[in-house]
Amino acid sequence: MILTYEQLLSDVKCNGLKSISSKVKAVALGVFEPLDHVRLTMGFKSLGLKPFSAKIQNVPLSVQGEREFILTPTTLSLDDAMNTHFPGDFIYGGAFVLEDLMNHKPLDFRVFGYPTDLTDRQELRKSISVDDLHYGLLDVELRKDLHPTAYVNSGDTLKFTENGAIKNNFQSINFRTSGLLQSIIDLSNHVETVFMAGTTGTLSTLGDSLVRFSGDFLRMDTLYASGLSLKGYGVMLALGLGALIRVDGNSHVLEQIIANEDRLFKVVDGVTQKELSRIPFKQFRDSTVTIGEDVYKVGSLTSLYLAERISRRLSGQE
């Protein structure tokens, strides 16, 4: 049988690992959470000039060639309000350009370069949509992180972090990952199928602690990609990723997957940057977390609902 991560946890709790391990063919792991180190490589048909700079919706692009550009989701719009107003609203950036492209919205595209038959610099400006792309490749690089970080805030005001805004005076604890991507990295040799934002992707190992997800951007589903505006921090892309892990009755592989519930998260004070404690991921499943005598409300940027939906799709149950 093929199980999702949540189904595996439930079966192990009810029946024990030994009784089900011989029956499990594969386990589907899915996540939907903000990611770093994402880039979209876009290819166009001939633009009629040799570009040296470009931007889309006033978000700068990296020029790779005459027809190729790279969009990074964390790149901000040049006229973003963060440039003048603290702590920064970060209303628009590369992640939202990517989302708008997936939704087939027309976007303002400006390229500065030199025509092949002239010496004077020229500007090409036109409205484009995803239909104008000759190709699009979305890459996500992930590095092994044994202990992801959850933040608390000892200060008197809100603290803005990559995990979102943390309430003051130790009122909340915020995390942004379920840790399952780390399990996929650990079990990359057992990956059978890769899910990437609604389409089939590839997973390549770049070293002992680094992997890359890659997929055809033109085939991706906007349900599994969303731009996030994190006040006081920046812009990020939340993306749906997943992998079908081949088990074939191997109880050791199942033990590695289940161990994610006990993966220790570093609890860090966002003000002092001091590590206060380490707690297992399973404690974040409740609405509150208790550390010593203190009780924190849990805040999350990861969607366990969409993660399970991805898992169900990978396992053939949806």
C-alpha atoms as a PDB file:
ATOM      1  CA  MET A   1       0.000   0.000   0.000  1.00  0.00           C
ATOM      2  CA  ILE A   2       0.981   3.626  -0.500  1.00  0.00           C
ATOM      3  CA  LEU A   3       0.412   5.957   2.447  1.00  0.00           C
ATOM      4  CA  THR A   4       0.624   9.673   3.048  1.00  0.00           C
ATOM      5  CA  TYR A   5       2.775  10.908   5.915  1.00  0.00           C
ATOM      6  CA  GLU A   6      -0.245  11.541   8.154  1.00  0.00           C
ATOM      7  CA  GLN A   7      -1.721   8.121   7.330  1.00  0.00           C
ATOM      8  CA  LEU A   8       1.592   6.497   8.209  1.00  0.00           C
ATOM      9  CA  LEU A   9       1.675   8.217  11.586  1.00  0.00           C
ATOM     10  CA  SER A  10      -1.895   7.142  12.286  1.00  0.00           C
ATOM     11  CA  ASP A  11      -1.293   3.498  11.290  1.00  0.00           C
ATOM     12  CA  VAL A  12       1.889   3.258  13.342  1.00  0.00           C
ATOM     13  CA  LYS A  13       0.083   4.715  16.358  1.00  0.00           C
ATOM     14  CA  CYS A  14      -2.798   2.248  16.022  1.00  0.00           C
ATOM     15  CA  ASN A  15      -1.020  -0.919  14.886  1.00  0.00           C
ATOM     16  CA  GLY A  16       2.693  -0.483  15.513  1.00  0.00           C
ATOM     17  CA  LEU A  17       5.554  -0.206  13.029  1.00  0.00           C
ATOM     18  CA  LYS A  18       6.347  -3.911  12.818  1.00  0.00           C
ATOM     19  CA  SER A  19       2.817  -4.931  11.898  1.00  0.00           C
ATOM     20  CA  ILE A  20       2.547  -2.551   8.931  1.00  0.00           C
ATOM     21  CA  SER A  21       6.106  -2.263   7.600  1.00  0.00           C
ATOM     22  CA  SER A  22       5.877  -5.317   5.323  1.00  0.00           C
ATOM     23  CA  LYS A  23       2.701  -3.927   3.719  1.00  0.00           C
ATOM     24  CA  VAL A  24       3.969  -0.438   2.883  1.00  0.00           C
ATOM     25  CA  LYS A  25       5.207   0.003  -0.671  1.00  0.00           C
ATOM     26  CA  ALA A  26       5.815   3.758  -0.533  1.00  0.00           C
ATOM     27  CA  VAL A  27       5.139   6.882   1.542  1.00  0.00           C
ATOM     28  CA  ALA A  28       4.198  10.263   0.035  1.00  0.00           C
ATOM     29  CA  LEU A  29       5.737  13.321   1.690  1.00  0.00           C
ATOM     30  CA  GLY A  30       4.443  16.799   0.860  1.00  0.00           C
ATOM     31  CA  VAL A  31       5.127  20.342   2.049  1.00  0.00           C
ATOM     32  CA  PHE A  32       3.750  23.802   1.348  1.00  0.00           C
ATOM     33  CA  GLU A  33       5.958  26.454   2.911  1.00  0.00           C
ATOM     34  CA  PRO A  34       8.139  29.514   2.205  1.00  0.00           C
ATOM     35  CA  LEU A  35      11.414  28.588   0.538  1.00  0.00           C
ATOM     36  CA  ASP A  36      14.788  30.228   0.066  1.00  0.00           C
ATOM     37  CA  HIS A  37      17.110  29.771  -2.922  1.00  0.00           C
ATOM     38  CA  VAL A  38      14.406  29.656  -5.597  1.00  0.00           C
ATOM     39  CA  ARG A  39      14.927  30.929  -9.132  1.00  0.00           C
ATOM     40  CA  LEU A  40      12.945  31.000 -12.354  1.00  0.00           C
ATOM     41  CA  THR A  41      14.891  30.878 -15.609  1.00  0.00           C
ATOM     42  CA  MET A  42      12.785  32.397 -18.397  1.00  0.00           C
ATOM     43  CA  GLY A  43      13.504  32.052 -22.091  1.00  0.00           C
ATOM     44  CA  PHE A  44      11.971  34.268 -24.781  1.00  0.00           C
ATOM     45  CA  LYS A  45      12.007  34.219 -28.518  1.00  0.00           C
ATOM     46  CA  SER A  46      14.322  36.753 -30.148  1.00  0.00           C
ATOM     47  CA  LEU A  47      13.981  40.251 -28.672  1.00  0.00           C
ATOM     48  CA  GLY A  48      15.944  41.970 -31.432  1.00  0.00           C
ATOM     49  CA  LEU A  49      18.648  43.379 -29.147  1.00  0.00           C
ATOM     50  CA  LYS A  50      21.452  42.367 -26.831  1.00  0.00           C
ATOM     51  CA  PRO A  51      20.166  43.169 -23.332  1.00  0.00           C
ATOM     52  CA  PHE A  52      22.271  44.373 -20.413  1.00  0.00           C
ATOM     53  CA  SER A  53      19.413  45.002 -17.940  1.00  0.00           C
ATOM     54  CA  ALA A  54      15.750  44.098 -17.629  1.00  0.00           C
ATOM     55  CA  LYS A  55      12.842  44.258 -15.239  1.00  0.00           C
ATOM     56  CA  ILE A  56       9.309  42.965 -15.046  1.00  0.00           C
ATOM     57  CA  GLN A  57       6.683  44.931 -13.094  1.00  0.00           C
ATOM     58  CA  ASN A  58       9.674  47.016 -11.962  1.00  0.00           C
ATOM     59  CA  VAL A  59      11.308  43.940 -10.389  1.00  0.00           C
ATOM     60  CA  PRO A  60      14.900  43.571 -11.650  1.00  0.00           C
ATOM     61  CA  LEU A  61      15.879  40.458 -13.601  1.00  0.00           C
ATOM     62  CA  SER A  62      19.309  38.926 -14.032  1.00  0.00           C
ATOM     63  CA  VAL A  63      20.339  38.885 -17.702  1.00  0.00           C
ATOM     64  CA  GLN A  64      21.811  35.522 -18.745  1.00  0.00           C
ATOM     65  CA  GLY A  65      21.923  35.953 -22.505  1.00  0.00           C
ATOM     66  CA  GLU A  66      20.154  37.516 -25.456  1.00  0.00           C
ATOM     67  CA  ARG A  67      16.912  35.703 -24.674  1.00  0.00           C
ATOM     68  CA  GLU A  68      17.309  34.344 -21.139  1.00  0.00           C
ATOM     69  CA  PHE A  69      16.596  35.993 -17.778  1.00  0.00           C
ATOM     70  CA  ILE A  70      16.474  34.858 -14.158  1.00  0.00           C
ATOM     71  CA  LEU A  71      13.783  35.968 -11.719  1.00  0.00           C
ATOM     72  CA  THR A  72      14.461  35.543  -7.994  1.00  0.00           C
ATOM     73  CA  PRO A  73      11.326  35.517  -5.779  1.00  0.00           C
ATOM     74  CA  THR A  74      12.983  37.514  -2.969  1.00  0.00           C
ATOM     75  CA  THR A  75      13.914  40.422  -5.270  1.00  0.00           C
ATOM     76  CA  LEU A  76      11.908  43.525  -4.381  1.00  0.00           C
ATOM     77  CA  SER A  77      10.175  45.971  -6.671  1.00  0.00           C
ATOM     78  CA  LEU A  78      12.332  49.067  -7.204  1.00  0.00           C
ATOM     79  CA  ASP A  79       9.562  51.323  -5.943  1.00  0.00           C
ATOM     80  CA  ASP A  80       8.622  49.204  -2.924  1.00  0.00           C
ATOM     81  CA  ALA A  81       7.517  51.216   0.093  1.00  0.00           C
ATOM     82  CA  MET A  82      10.213  49.584   2.214  1.00  0.00           C
ATOM     83  CA  ASN A  83      12.687  52.055   0.770  1.00  0.00           C
ATOM     84  CA  THR A  84      11.144  54.927   2.697  1.00  0.00           C
ATOM     85  CA  HIS A  85       8.890  53.575   5.472  1.00  0.00           C
ATOM     86  CA  PHE A  86      10.173  51.512   8.413  1.00  0.00           C
ATOM     87  CA  PRO A  87       9.834  48.611   9.036  1.00  0.00           C
ATOM     88  CA  GLY A  88       8.866  48.036   5.407  1.00  0.00           C
ATOM     89  CA  ASP A  89       5.657  46.730   3.886  1.00  0.00           C
ATOM     90  CA  PHE A  90       7.316  44.659   1.145  1.00  0.00           C
ATOM     91  CA  ILE A  91       4.124  44.671  -0.884  1.00  0.00           C
ATOM     92  CA  TYR A  92       5.485  43.357  -4.182  1.00  0.00           C
ATOM     93  CA  GLY A  93       8.474  41.442  -5.489  1.00  0.00           C
ATOM     94  CA  GLY A  94       9.662  38.511  -7.552  1.00  0.00           C
ATOM     95  CA  ALA A  95       7.428  35.979  -5.785  1.00  0.00           C
ATOM     96  CA  PHE A  96       4.341  37.946  -6.824  1.00  0.00           C
ATOM     97  CA  VAL A  97       5.630  38.287 -10.395  1.00  0.00           C
ATOM     98  CA  LEU A  98       5.955  34.513 -10.488  1.00  0.00           C
ATOM     99  CA  GLU A  99       2.432  34.091  -9.117  1.00  0.00           C
ATOM    100  CA  ASP A 100       1.030  36.623 -11.613  1.00  0.00           C
ATOM    101  CA  LEU A 101       2.717  34.781 -14.486  1.00  0.00           C
ATOM    102  CA  MET A 102       1.126  31.519 -13.356  1.00  0.00           C
ATOM    103  CA  ASN A 103      -2.247  33.273 -13.364  1.00  0.00           C
ATOM    104  CA  HIS A 104      -1.669  34.450 -16.973  1.00  0.00           C
ATOM    105  CA  LYS A 105      -1.790  38.116 -16.007  1.00  0.00           C
ATOM    106  CA  PRO A 106      -0.294  40.690 -18.423  1.00  0.00           C
ATOM    107  CA  LEU A 107       2.866  42.229 -16.958  1.00  0.00           C
ATOM    108  CA  ASP A 108       5.042  45.190 -17.892  1.00  0.00           C
ATOM    109  CA  PHE A 109       8.358  43.975 -19.356  1.00  0.00           C
ATOM    110  CA  ARG A 110      11.247  46.398 -19.993  1.00  0.00           C
ATOM    111  CA  VAL A 111      14.587  45.492 -21.523  1.00  0.00           C
ATOM    112  CA  PHE A 112      17.558  47.813 -22.070  1.00  0.00           C
ATOM    113  CA  GLY A 113      20.145  46.801 -24.643  1.00  0.00           C
ATOM    114  CA  TYR A 114      21.872  47.362 -27.938  1.00  0.00           C
ATOM    115  CA  PRO A 115      20.258  46.383 -31.244  1.00  0.00           C
ATOM    116  CA  THR A 116      22.424  44.135 -33.405  1.00  0.00           C
ATOM    117  CA  ASP A 117      22.601  46.716 -36.207  1.00  0.00           C
ATOM    118  CA  LEU A 118      22.863  49.937 -34.164  1.00  0.00           C
ATOM    119  CA  THR A 119      25.231  51.336 -31.548  1.00  0.00           C
ATOM    120  CA  ASP A 120      22.773  53.461 -29.568  1.00  0.00           C
ATOM    121  CA  ARG A 121      21.179  51.985 -26.514  1.00  0.00           C
ATOM    122  CA  GLN A 122      17.474  51.266 -26.834  1.00  0.00           C
ATOM    123  CA  GLU A 123      14.617  50.287 -24.578  1.00  0.00           C
ATOM    124  CA  LEU A 124      12.137  47.551 -25.445  1.00  0.00           C
ATOM    125  CA  ARG A 125       8.913  47.836 -23.483  1.00  0.00           C
ATOM    126  CA  LYS A 126       5.866  45.642 -23.895  1.00  0.00           C
ATOM    127  CA  SER A 127       3.189  43.724 -22.054  1.00  0.00           C
ATOM    128  CA  ILE A 128       3.893  40.018 -21.639  1.00  0.00           C
ATOM    129  CA  SER A 129       2.277  36.981 -20.037  1.00  0.00           C
ATOM    130  CA  VAL A 130       3.368  33.423 -19.400  1.00  0.00           C
ATOM    131  CA  ASP A 131       2.228  32.618 -22.951  1.00  0.00           C
ATOM    132  CA  ASP A 132       5.139  34.694 -24.261  1.00  0.00           C
ATOM    133  CA  LEU A 133       7.723  32.478 -22.575  1.00  0.00           C
ATOM    134  CA  HIS A 134       9.571  30.064 -24.839  1.00  0.00           C
ATOM    135  CA  TYR A 135      10.448  28.024 -21.753  1.00  0.00           C
ATOM    136  CA  GLY A 136      10.544  28.360 -17.975  1.00  0.00           C
ATOM    137  CA  LEU A 137      12.556  26.333 -15.482  1.00  0.00           C
ATOM    138  CA  LEU A 138      11.949  26.660 -11.755  1.00  0.00           C
ATOM    139  CA  ASP A 139      14.772  25.507  -9.463  1.00  0.00           C
ATOM    140  CA  VAL A 140      14.806  25.157  -5.682  1.00  0.00           C
ATOM    141  CA  GLU A 141      18.037  24.381  -3.870  1.00  0.00           C
ATOM    142  CA  LEU A 142      17.747  22.905  -0.387  1.00  0.00           C
ATOM    143  CA  ARG A 143      20.516  22.459   2.151  1.00  0.00           C
ATOM    144  CA  LYS A 144      20.358  20.025   5.021  1.00  0.00           C
ATOM    145  CA  ASP A 145      19.352  21.778   8.232  1.00  0.00           C
ATOM    146  CA  LEU A 146      19.402  19.373  11.158  1.00  0.00           C
ATOM    147  CA  HIS A 147      17.656  21.800  13.481  1.00  0.00           C
ATOM    148  CA  PRO A 148      15.232  24.293  11.877  1.00  0.00           C
ATOM    149  CA  THR A 149      14.550  27.485  13.814  1.00  0.00           C
ATOM    150  CA  ALA A 150      11.440  28.626  15.660  1.00  0.00           C
ATOM    151  CA  TYR A 151      11.364  32.182  16.998  1.00  0.00           C
ATOM    152  CA  VAL A 152      10.056  33.796  20.181  1.00  0.00           C
ATOM    153  CA  ASN A 153      10.267  37.475  21.112  1.00  0.00           C
ATOM    154  CA  SER A 154      11.478  38.777  24.487  1.00  0.00           C
ATOM    155  CA  GLY A 155      11.111  42.428  23.440  1.00  0.00           C
ATOM    156  CA  ASP A 156       8.325  44.920  24.009  1.00  0.00           C
ATOM    157  CA  THR A 157       7.406  45.322  20.327  1.00  0.00           C
ATOM    158  CA  LEU A 158       6.749  43.050  17.364  1.00  0.00           C
ATOM    159  CA  LYS A 159       9.817  41.324  15.925  1.00  0.00           C
ATOM    160  CA  PHE A 160       9.913  40.790  12.161  1.00  0.00           C
ATOM    161  CA  THR A 161      11.617  37.583  10.981  1.00  0.00           C
ATOM    162  CA  GLU A 162      11.560  35.095   8.099  1.00  0.00           C
ATOM    163  CA  ASN A 163       9.010  33.187  10.216  1.00  0.00           C
ATOM    164  CA  GLY A 164       6.661  36.161  10.202  1.00  0.00           C
ATOM    165  CA  ALA A 165       5.906  38.778  12.849  1.00  0.00           C
ATOM    166  CA  ILE A 166       6.564  37.438  16.372  1.00  0.00           C
ATOM    167  CA  LYS A 167       4.404  38.809  19.174  1.00  0.00           C
ATOM    168  CA  ASN A 168       6.211  40.609  21.953  1.00  0.00           C
ATOM    169  CA  ASN A 169       6.830  39.504  25.549  1.00  0.00           C
ATOM    170  CA  PHE A 170       7.012  35.776  24.760  1.00  0.00           C
ATOM    171  CA  GLN A 171       3.384  35.568  23.605  1.00  0.00           C
ATOM    172  CA  SER A 172       3.960  33.358  20.566  1.00  0.00           C
ATOM    173  CA  ILE A 173       6.350  30.945  18.906  1.00  0.00           C
ATOM    174  CA  ASN A 174       6.540  30.925  15.097  1.00  0.00           C
ATOM    175  CA  PHE A 175       7.897  28.299  12.725  1.00  0.00           C
ATOM    176  CA  ARG A 176       7.797  28.026   8.937  1.00  0.00           C
ATOM    177  CA  THR A 177       8.694  24.409   8.049  1.00  0.00           C
ATOM    178  CA  SER A 178       7.443  20.954   8.947  1.00  0.00           C
ATOM    179  CA  GLY A 179      10.950  19.532   8.540  1.00  0.00           C
ATOM    180  CA  LEU A 180       9.812  16.980   5.962  1.00  0.00           C
ATOM    181  CA  LEU A 181      12.025  18.484   3.244  1.00  0.00           C
ATOM    182  CA  GLN A 182      14.929  17.421   5.423  1.00  0.00           C
ATOM    183  CA  SER A 183      13.565  13.877   5.388  1.00  0.00           C
ATOM    184  CA  ILE A 184      13.428  13.998   1.581  1.00  0.00           C
ATOM    185  CA  ILE A 185      17.083  15.106   1.504  1.00  0.00           C
ATOM    186  CA  ASP A 186      18.040  12.286   3.882  1.00  0.00           C
ATOM    187  CA  LEU A 187      16.142   9.727   1.777  1.00  0.00           C
ATOM    188  CA  SER A 188      16.968  11.127  -1.682  1.00  0.00           C
ATOM    189  CA  ASN A 189      18.272   7.703  -2.791  1.00  0.00           C
ATOM    190  CA  HIS A 190      14.790   6.288  -2.191  1.00  0.00           C
ATOM    191  CA  VAL A 191      12.844   8.970  -4.087  1.00  0.00           C
ATOM    192  CA  GLU A 192      10.642   7.496  -6.824  1.00  0.00           C
ATOM    193  CA  THR A 193       8.513  10.452  -7.967  1.00  0.00           C
ATOM    194  CA  VAL A 194       8.916  14.191  -7.416  1.00  0.00           C
ATOM    195  CA  PHE A 195       6.040  16.681  -7.129  1.00  0.00           C
ATOM    196  CA  MET A 196       6.705  20.325  -7.873  1.00  0.00           C
ATOM    197  CA  ALA A 197       3.853  22.831  -7.736  1.00  0.00           C
ATOM    198  CA  GLY A 198       1.343  20.622  -9.525  1.00  0.00           C
ATOM    199  CA  THR A 199       3.614  18.904 -12.027  1.00  0.00           C
ATOM    200  CA  THR A 200       6.264  16.183 -12.054  1.00  0.00           C
ATOM    201  CA  GLY A 201       9.751  17.432 -11.280  1.00  0.00           C
ATOM    202  CA  THR A 202      13.228  16.066 -10.823  1.00  0.00           C
ATOM    203  CA  LEU A 203      15.483  15.807  -7.800  1.00  0.00           C
ATOM    204  CA  SER A 204      19.266  15.924  -8.157  1.00  0.00           C
ATOM    205  CA  THR A 205      21.891  15.536  -5.447  1.00  0.00           C
ATOM    206  CA  LEU A 206      24.544  18.269  -5.471  1.00  0.00           C
ATOM    207  CA  GLY A 207      26.550  17.000  -2.489  1.00  0.00           C
ATOM    208  CA  ASP A 208      26.163  15.361   0.890  1.00  0.00           C
ATOM    209  CA  SER A 209      23.942  18.145   2.178  1.00  0.00           C
ATOM    210  CA  LEU A 210      22.467  19.843  -0.912  1.00  0.00           C
ATOM    211  CA  VAL A 211      19.734  18.848  -3.368  1.00  0.00           C
ATOM    212  CA  ARG A 212      17.916  20.626  -6.190  1.00  0.00           C
ATOM    213  CA  PHE A 213      14.256  20.356  -7.174  1.00  0.00           C
ATOM    214  CA  SER A 214      13.619  21.332 -10.801  1.00  0.00           C
ATOM    215  CA  GLY A 215      10.417  21.540 -12.804  1.00  0.00           C
ATOM    216  CA  ASP A 216       8.745  22.961 -15.896  1.00  0.00           C
ATOM    217  CA  PHE A 217       7.280  26.281 -14.776  1.00  0.00           C
ATOM    218  CA  LEU A 218       4.877  26.400 -17.713  1.00  0.00           C
ATOM    219  CA  ARG A 219       3.090  23.289 -16.392  1.00  0.00           C
ATOM    220  CA  MET A 220       2.784  24.387 -12.764  1.00  0.00           C
ATOM    221  CA  ASP A 221      -0.452  25.075 -10.899  1.00  0.00           C
ATOM    222  CA  THR A 222      -0.984  28.374  -9.082  1.00  0.00           C
ATOM    223  CA  LEU A 223      -2.728  26.446  -6.262  1.00  0.00           C
ATOM    224  CA  TYR A 224       0.719  25.326  -5.144  1.00  0.00           C
ATOM    225  CA  ALA A 225       2.593  28.629  -5.398  1.00  0.00           C
ATOM    226  CA  SER A 226       1.909  31.844  -3.525  1.00  0.00           C
ATOM    227  CA  GLY A 227       3.769  35.092  -2.959  1.00  0.00           C
ATOM    228  CA  LEU A 228       4.139  36.112   0.684  1.00  0.00           C
ATOM    229  CA  SER A 229       4.582  39.666   1.891  1.00  0.00           C
ATOM    230  CA  LEU A 230       6.355  39.518   5.261  1.00  0.00           C
ATOM    231  CA  LYS A 231       6.151  42.939   6.869  1.00  0.00           C
ATOM    232  CA  GLY A 232       9.505  44.122   8.124  1.00  0.00           C
ATOM    233  CA  TYR A 233      11.379  41.247   6.490  1.00  0.00           C
ATOM    234  CA  GLY A 234      10.785  40.873   2.751  1.00  0.00           C
ATOM    235  CA  VAL A 235       9.067  38.872   0.048  1.00  0.00           C
ATOM    236  CA  MET A 236       9.149  35.084  -0.203  1.00  0.00           C
ATOM    237  CA  LEU A 237       7.573  32.330  -2.285  1.00  0.00           C
ATOM    238  CA  ALA A 238       5.537  29.573  -0.654  1.00  0.00           C
ATOM    239  CA  LEU A 239       5.746  26.490  -2.849  1.00  0.00           C
ATOM    240  CA  GLY A 240       4.308  22.999  -2.849  1.00  0.00           C
ATOM    241  CA  LEU A 241       6.925  20.255  -3.089  1.00  0.00           C
ATOM    242  CA  GLY A 242       6.792  16.540  -2.471  1.00  0.00           C
ATOM    243  CA  ALA A 243       8.331  13.157  -3.074  1.00  0.00           C
ATOM    244  CA  LEU A 244       7.145   9.580  -3.159  1.00  0.00           C
ATOM    245  CA  ILE A 245       9.589   7.606  -1.012  1.00  0.00           C
ATOM    246  CA  ARG A 246      10.067   3.982  -2.029  1.00  0.00           C
ATOM    247  CA  VAL A 247       9.847   1.703   1.023  1.00  0.00           C
ATOM    248  CA  ASP A 248       9.104  -1.848  -0.204  1.00  0.00           C
ATOM    249  CA  GLY A 249       8.727  -3.128   3.344  1.00  0.00           C
ATOM    250  CA  ASN A 250      11.990  -1.600   4.592  1.00  0.00           C
ATOM    251  CA  SER A 251      11.267  -0.761   8.239  1.00  0.00           C
ATOM    252  CA  HIS A 252      14.473   1.290   8.501  1.00  0.00           C
ATOM    253  CA  VAL A 253      13.178   3.724   5.851  1.00  0.00           C
ATOM    254  CA  LEU A 254       9.860   3.992   7.704  1.00  0.00           C
ATOM    255  CA  GLU A 255      11.699   4.709  10.945  1.00  0.00           C
ATOM    256  CA  GLN A 256      13.619   7.532   9.240  1.00  0.00           C
ATOM    257  CA  ILE A 257      10.379   9.062   7.967  1.00  0.00           C
ATOM    258  CA  ILE A 258       8.580   8.836  11.306  1.00  0.00           C
ATOM    259  CA  ALA A 259      11.609  10.330  13.055  1.00  0.00           C
ATOM    260  CA  ASN A 260      10.582  13.723  11.632  1.00  0.00           C
ATOM    261  CA  GLU A 261       8.063  14.035  14.464  1.00  0.00           C
ATOM    262  CA  ASP A 262      11.004  14.062  16.879  1.00  0.00           C
ATOM    263  CA  ARG A 263      13.142  16.413  14.784  1.00  0.00           C
ATOM    264  CA  LEU A 264      14.410  19.056  17.198  1.00  0.00           C
ATOM    265  CA  PHE A 265      13.741  22.710  16.391  1.00  0.00           C
ATOM    266  CA  LYS A 266      15.958  25.407  17.861  1.00  0.00           C
ATOM    267  CA  VAL A 267      13.923  27.938  19.828  1.00  0.00           C
ATOM    268  CA  VAL A 268      15.653  31.306  19.349  1.00  0.00           C
ATOM    269  CA  ASP A 269      14.884  34.691  20.856  1.00  0.00           C
ATOM    270  CA  GLY A 270      14.502  36.998  17.853  1.00  0.00           C
ATOM    271  CA  VAL A 271      15.778  39.939  19.902  1.00  0.00           C
ATOM    272  CA  THR A 272      18.952  38.524  21.473  1.00  0.00           C
ATOM    273  CA  GLN A 273      19.455  35.714  18.887  1.00  0.00           C
ATOM    274  CA  LYS A 274      20.162  33.354  21.796  1.00  0.00           C
ATOM    275  CA  GLU A 275      19.033  29.740  21.608  1.00  0.00           C
ATOM    276  CA  LEU A 276      16.650  29.110  24.504  1.00  0.00           C
ATOM    277  CA  SER A 277      15.667  25.501  24.024  1.00  0.00           C
ATOM    278  CA  ARG A 278      15.093  22.675  21.564  1.00  0.00           C
ATOM    279  CA  ILE A 279      11.711  21.039  21.073  1.00  0.00           C
ATOM    280  CA  PRO A 280      10.432  18.297  18.722  1.00  0.00           C
ATOM    281  CA  PHE A 281       8.243  19.154  15.753  1.00  0.00           C
ATOM    282  CA  LYS A 282       5.281  17.169  17.127  1.00  0.00           C
ATOM    283  CA  GLN A 283       4.780  19.825  19.796  1.00  0.00           C
ATOM    284  CA  PHE A 284       3.906  22.348  17.072  1.00  0.00           C
ATOM    285  CA  ARG A 285       0.817  20.320  16.142  1.00  0.00           C
ATOM    286  CA  ASP A 286      -1.029  21.813  19.119  1.00  0.00           C
ATOM    287  CA  SER A 287      -2.258  25.401  19.337  1.00  0.00           C
ATOM    288  CA  THR A 288       0.170  26.107  22.174  1.00  0.00           C
ATOM    289  CA  VAL A 289       3.688  25.033  23.132  1.00  0.00           C
ATOM    290  CA  THR A 290       4.940  24.783  26.708  1.00  0.00           C
ATOM    291  CA  ILE A 291       8.638  25.385  27.421  1.00  0.00           C
ATOM    292  CA  GLY A 292       9.399  25.198  31.120  1.00  0.00           C
ATOM    293  CA  GLU A 293       6.669  27.230  32.785  1.00  0.00           C
ATOM    294  CA  ASP A 294       5.958  29.412  29.740  1.00  0.00           C
ATOM    295  CA  VAL A 295       3.095  28.781  27.309  1.00  0.00           C
ATOM    296  CA  TYR A 296       3.340  30.125  23.741  1.00  0.00           C
ATOM    297  CA  LYS A 297       0.696  30.408  21.041  1.00  0.00           C
ATOM    298  CA  VAL A 298       1.851  28.629  17.882  1.00  0.00           C
ATOM    299  CA  GLY A 299       2.148  30.587  14.634  1.00  0.00           C
ATOM    300  CA  SER A 300       3.043  28.906  11.358  1.00  0.00           C
ATOM    301  CA  LEU A 301       3.838  29.805   7.745  1.00  0.00           C
ATOM    302  CA  THR A 302       3.576  26.178   6.613  1.00  0.00           C
ATOM    303  CA  SER A 303       0.238  24.679   5.529  1.00  0.00           C
ATOM    304  CA  LEU A 304      -0.241  21.151   6.821  1.00  0.00           C
ATOM    305  CA  TYR A 305      -3.551  21.002   4.915  1.00  0.00           C
ATOM    306  CA  LEU A 306      -1.942  21.638   1.511  1.00  0.00           C
ATOM    307  CA  ALA A 307       0.969  19.382   2.471  1.00  0.00           C
ATOM    308  CA  GLU A 308      -1.424  16.486   3.035  1.00  0.00           C
ATOM    309  CA  ARG A 309      -3.248  17.290  -0.200  1.00  0.00           C
ATOM    310  CA  ILE A 310       0.063  17.068  -2.073  1.00  0.00           C
ATOM    311  CA  SER A 311       0.772  13.763  -0.342  1.00  0.00           C
ATOM    312  CA  ARG A 312      -2.623  12.396  -1.353  1.00  0.00           C
ATOM    313  CA  ARG A 313      -2.033  13.421  -4.948  1.00  0.00           C
ATOM    314  CA  LEU A 314       1.390  11.757  -4.969  1.00  0.00           C
ATOM    315  CA  SER A 315      -0.032   8.571  -3.487  1.00  0.00           C
ATOM    316  CA  GLY A 316      -2.813   8.376  -6.087  1.00  0.00           C
ATOM    317  CA  GLN A 317      -5.598   9.058  -3.585  1.00  0.00           C
ATOM    318  CA  GLU A 318      -6.665  12.335  -5.249  1.00  0.00           C
END
